[in-house]
Amino acid sequence: MGRAPKTVDVRLKLPMLEIAGSWEPNDAERRAAWELYVELVTRVSVVPMRADEGLLREALTSLYSLFGSTREILRRHGPQIAEPKRDGQYNFGYLAVAMLNYGLRPLLASWHPALEDWESRRPADCSRRDHERAWPEADQLRSALNGTRQVLSAYADLLATACGIPNLLGAIPPAPGDR
């Protein structure tokens, strides 16, 4: 890892929870942070999606897969990444579980069944893309995905800081409409 700071300032505003304080990651937490960071920055979860590109279903599936990836990271690194800290500091385990339960679960619990219901009505002669684009709630879901992208981008930034690396999200050029 790079020159990681001893203490990381934590400021995350999730849809139903605000997390503010500090985190002194141990070596196991830094390794776990790197793994979760890679999962976040290499998915649609943190890359802006313009209205004319991508499928909403693919975006939701990518976000949902973060549950499995995060669970695997938590299992692999064990209790060292969730050990209690002094003075109420945060640990990787808490931050990762909060990301899933308060950053992702509300979006998925609401939008996955709604999109699934719309998808079940697709006529046989209509492509998945065209049917999804005709969904009256598509723009609303894209807006919700953008809000979640901002939350996950803040997580990615926190994890990069904990690892002592520059945030690689700067390597992703903004979509033309985002400049």
Protein backbone atom coordinates (compact mmCIF):
# COMPACT_ATOMS: atom_id res chain seq x y z
CA MET A 1 0.00 0.00 0.00
CA GLY A 2 1.01 3.60 -0.35
CA ARG A 3 1.84 5.94 2.51
CA ALA A 4 -1.34 5.36 4.43
CA PRO A 5 -2.28 7.80 7.17
CA LYS A 6 -2.53 6.47 10.72
CA THR A 7 -6.00 7.98 11.16
CA VAL A 8 -8.65 8.51 8.50
CA ASP A 9 -11.42 11.08 8.85
CA VAL A 10 -14.79 9.40 8.18
CA ARG A 11 -17.66 11.50 6.81
CA LEU A 12 -20.35 9.52 5.01
CA LYS A 13 -23.91 10.63 4.42
CA LEU A 14 -26.05 7.58 3.67
CA PRO A 15 -29.77 7.74 2.88
CA MET A 16 -30.80 6.74 6.44
CA LEU A 17 -27.58 7.18 8.42
CA GLU A 18 -24.79 9.68 8.78
CA ILE A 19 -21.36 8.39 9.81
CA ALA A 20 -18.84 10.87 11.16
CA GLY A 21 -15.72 10.23 13.18
CA SER A 22 -12.34 8.60 12.72
CA TRP A 23 -10.86 5.25 11.77
CA GLU A 24 -7.40 3.90 12.53
CA PRO A 25 -7.20 0.94 10.16
CA ASN A 26 -4.96 -1.99 11.06
CA ASP A 27 -3.09 -3.91 8.34
CA ALA A 28 -5.93 -6.42 7.85
CA GLU A 29 -8.42 -3.56 7.47
CA ARG A 30 -6.21 -1.86 4.88
CA ARG A 31 -6.01 -5.08 2.85
CA ALA A 32 -9.78 -5.51 3.08
CA ALA A 33 -10.25 -1.82 2.19
CA TRP A 34 -8.14 -2.33 -0.95
CA GLU A 35 -10.23 -5.32 -2.02
CA LEU A 36 -13.52 -3.49 -1.53
CA TYR A 37 -12.08 -0.40 -3.21
CA VAL A 38 -11.24 -2.45 -6.32
CA GLU A 39 -14.78 -3.87 -6.34
CA LEU A 40 -16.26 -0.36 -6.19
CA VAL A 41 -14.14 1.45 -8.76
CA THR A 42 -14.36 -1.26 -11.40
CA ARG A 43 -18.15 -1.41 -11.62
CA VAL A 44 -20.98 0.65 -12.95
CA SER A 45 -21.65 1.48 -9.29
CA VAL A 46 -19.36 4.51 -9.34
CA VAL A 47 -19.24 5.35 -13.05
CA PRO A 48 -21.81 7.90 -14.23
CA MET A 49 -24.36 6.38 -16.60
CA ARG A 50 -25.87 8.74 -19.16
CA ALA A 51 -29.55 8.49 -20.02
CA ASP A 52 -28.79 7.01 -23.45
CA GLU A 53 -26.44 4.26 -22.31
CA GLY A 54 -26.47 1.06 -20.32
CA LEU A 55 -29.32 -0.98 -18.92
CA LEU A 56 -30.88 -0.25 -15.58
CA ARG A 57 -31.08 -3.99 -14.91
CA GLU A 58 -27.32 -4.32 -15.38
CA ALA A 59 -26.70 -1.45 -12.96
CA LEU A 60 -28.94 -3.02 -10.29
CA THR A 61 -27.30 -6.42 -10.81
CA SER A 62 -23.85 -4.88 -10.42
CA LEU A 63 -24.89 -3.18 -7.19
CA TYR A 64 -26.47 -6.36 -5.89
CA SER A 65 -23.26 -8.30 -6.56
CA LEU A 66 -21.47 -5.99 -4.10
CA PHE A 67 -23.27 -7.88 -1.32
CA GLY A 68 -21.54 -11.14 -2.28
CA SER A 69 -18.16 -9.48 -2.82
CA THR A 70 -18.32 -7.63 0.50
CA ARG A 71 -19.42 -10.73 2.40
CA GLU A 72 -16.50 -12.65 0.92
CA ILE A 73 -14.03 -9.91 1.93
CA LEU A 74 -15.47 -9.86 5.47
CA ARG A 75 -15.23 -13.66 5.78
CA ARG A 76 -11.74 -13.89 4.30
CA HIS A 77 -10.21 -11.23 6.56
CA GLY A 78 -12.00 -12.40 9.71
CA PRO A 79 -12.66 -10.69 13.01
CA GLN A 80 -9.52 -8.52 12.83
CA ILE A 81 -11.37 -6.14 10.51
CA ALA A 82 -14.25 -5.66 12.93
CA GLU A 83 -12.41 -5.43 16.23
CA PRO A 84 -13.67 -2.74 18.61
CA LYS A 85 -11.63 0.46 18.53
CA ARG A 86 -10.88 2.92 21.28
CA ASP A 87 -12.94 6.07 21.72
CA GLY A 88 -15.75 4.79 19.48
CA GLN A 89 -13.69 4.83 16.30
CA TYR A 90 -15.04 3.01 13.30
CA ASN A 91 -13.69 -0.24 11.89
CA PHE A 92 -13.79 -1.69 8.39
CA GLY A 93 -16.46 -4.26 9.30
CA TYR A 94 -18.87 -1.59 10.51
CA LEU A 95 -18.23 0.66 7.52
CA ALA A 96 -18.67 -2.18 5.01
CA VAL A 97 -21.91 -3.44 6.60
CA ALA A 98 -23.27 0.12 6.79
CA MET A 99 -22.53 0.54 3.08
CA LEU A 100 -24.60 -2.56 2.29
CA ASN A 101 -27.48 -2.01 4.69
CA TYR A 102 -27.87 1.76 4.45
CA GLY A 103 -26.22 2.66 1.14
CA LEU A 104 -27.39 -0.17 -1.14
CA ARG A 105 -30.26 -2.09 0.44
CA PRO A 106 -32.84 0.77 0.34
CA LEU A 107 -32.29 1.33 -3.39
CA LEU A 108 -32.37 -2.37 -4.24
CA ALA A 109 -35.35 -3.18 -2.02
CA SER A 110 -37.39 -0.49 -3.71
CA TRP A 111 -36.26 -0.60 -7.33
CA HIS A 112 -35.47 -4.25 -7.98
CA PRO A 113 -39.10 -5.43 -7.64
CA ALA A 114 -40.44 -2.39 -9.52
CA LEU A 115 -38.13 -3.01 -12.49
CA GLU A 116 -38.79 -6.75 -12.36
CA ASP A 117 -42.53 -6.07 -12.59
CA TRP A 118 -41.99 -3.85 -15.66
CA GLU A 119 -39.67 -6.42 -17.26
CA SER A 120 -42.32 -9.13 -16.87
CA ARG A 121 -44.59 -7.11 -19.19
CA ARG A 122 -42.12 -6.94 -22.10
CA PRO A 123 -43.73 -7.99 -25.39
CA ALA A 124 -41.84 -10.72 -27.26
CA ASP A 125 -41.16 -8.41 -30.22
CA CYS A 126 -39.60 -5.64 -28.09
CA SER A 127 -35.90 -5.64 -27.11
CA ARG A 128 -34.94 -5.47 -23.43
CA ARG A 129 -33.30 -2.08 -24.08
CA ASP A 130 -36.33 -0.56 -25.83
CA HIS A 131 -38.74 -1.92 -23.23
CA GLU A 132 -36.64 -0.59 -20.38
CA ARG A 133 -36.36 2.84 -22.04
CA ALA A 134 -40.17 2.96 -22.36
CA TRP A 135 -40.60 2.44 -18.61
CA PRO A 136 -42.25 5.54 -17.14
CA GLU A 137 -40.07 5.25 -14.00
CA ALA A 138 -36.73 4.84 -15.83
CA ASP A 139 -35.60 8.43 -15.23
CA GLN A 140 -36.52 8.18 -11.56
CA LEU A 141 -34.42 5.02 -11.18
CA ARG A 142 -31.50 6.65 -13.02
CA SER A 143 -31.71 9.52 -10.55
CA ALA A 144 -31.76 7.07 -7.60
CA LEU A 145 -28.76 5.25 -9.11
CA ASN A 146 -26.92 8.55 -9.36
CA GLY A 147 -27.57 9.22 -5.66
CA THR A 148 -26.22 5.78 -4.78
CA ARG A 149 -23.24 6.36 -7.07
CA GLN A 150 -22.39 9.47 -5.04
CA VAL A 151 -22.58 7.47 -1.78
CA LEU A 152 -20.37 4.70 -3.19
CA SER A 153 -17.93 7.26 -4.61
CA ALA A 154 -17.56 8.71 -1.10
CA TYR A 155 -16.89 5.18 0.18
CA ALA A 156 -14.32 4.62 -2.57
CA ASP A 157 -12.60 7.86 -1.63
CA LEU A 158 -12.50 6.84 2.04
CA LEU A 159 -11.07 3.42 1.17
CA ALA A 160 -8.42 4.94 -1.12
CA THR A 161 -7.38 7.28 1.68
CA ALA A 162 -7.14 4.36 4.13
CA CYS A 163 -4.88 2.55 1.65
CA GLY A 164 -2.71 5.61 1.10
CA ILE A 165 -3.35 5.79 -2.63
CA PRO A 166 -4.77 8.47 -4.92
CA ASN A 167 -8.38 7.78 -5.77
CA LEU A 168 -8.43 6.05 -9.15
CA LEU A 169 -11.89 7.43 -9.83
CA GLY A 170 -10.09 10.48 -11.22
CA ALA A 171 -8.94 8.21 -14.04
CA ILE A 172 -12.56 7.84 -15.17
CA PRO A 173 -13.43 10.73 -17.49
CA PRO A 174 -16.79 12.35 -16.76
CA ALA A 175 -19.65 11.62 -19.11
CA PRO A 176 -20.21 14.52 -21.56
CA GLY A 177 -23.36 15.59 -19.69
CA ASP A 178 -21.53 15.60 -16.33
CA ARG A 179 -18.88 18.22 -17.15
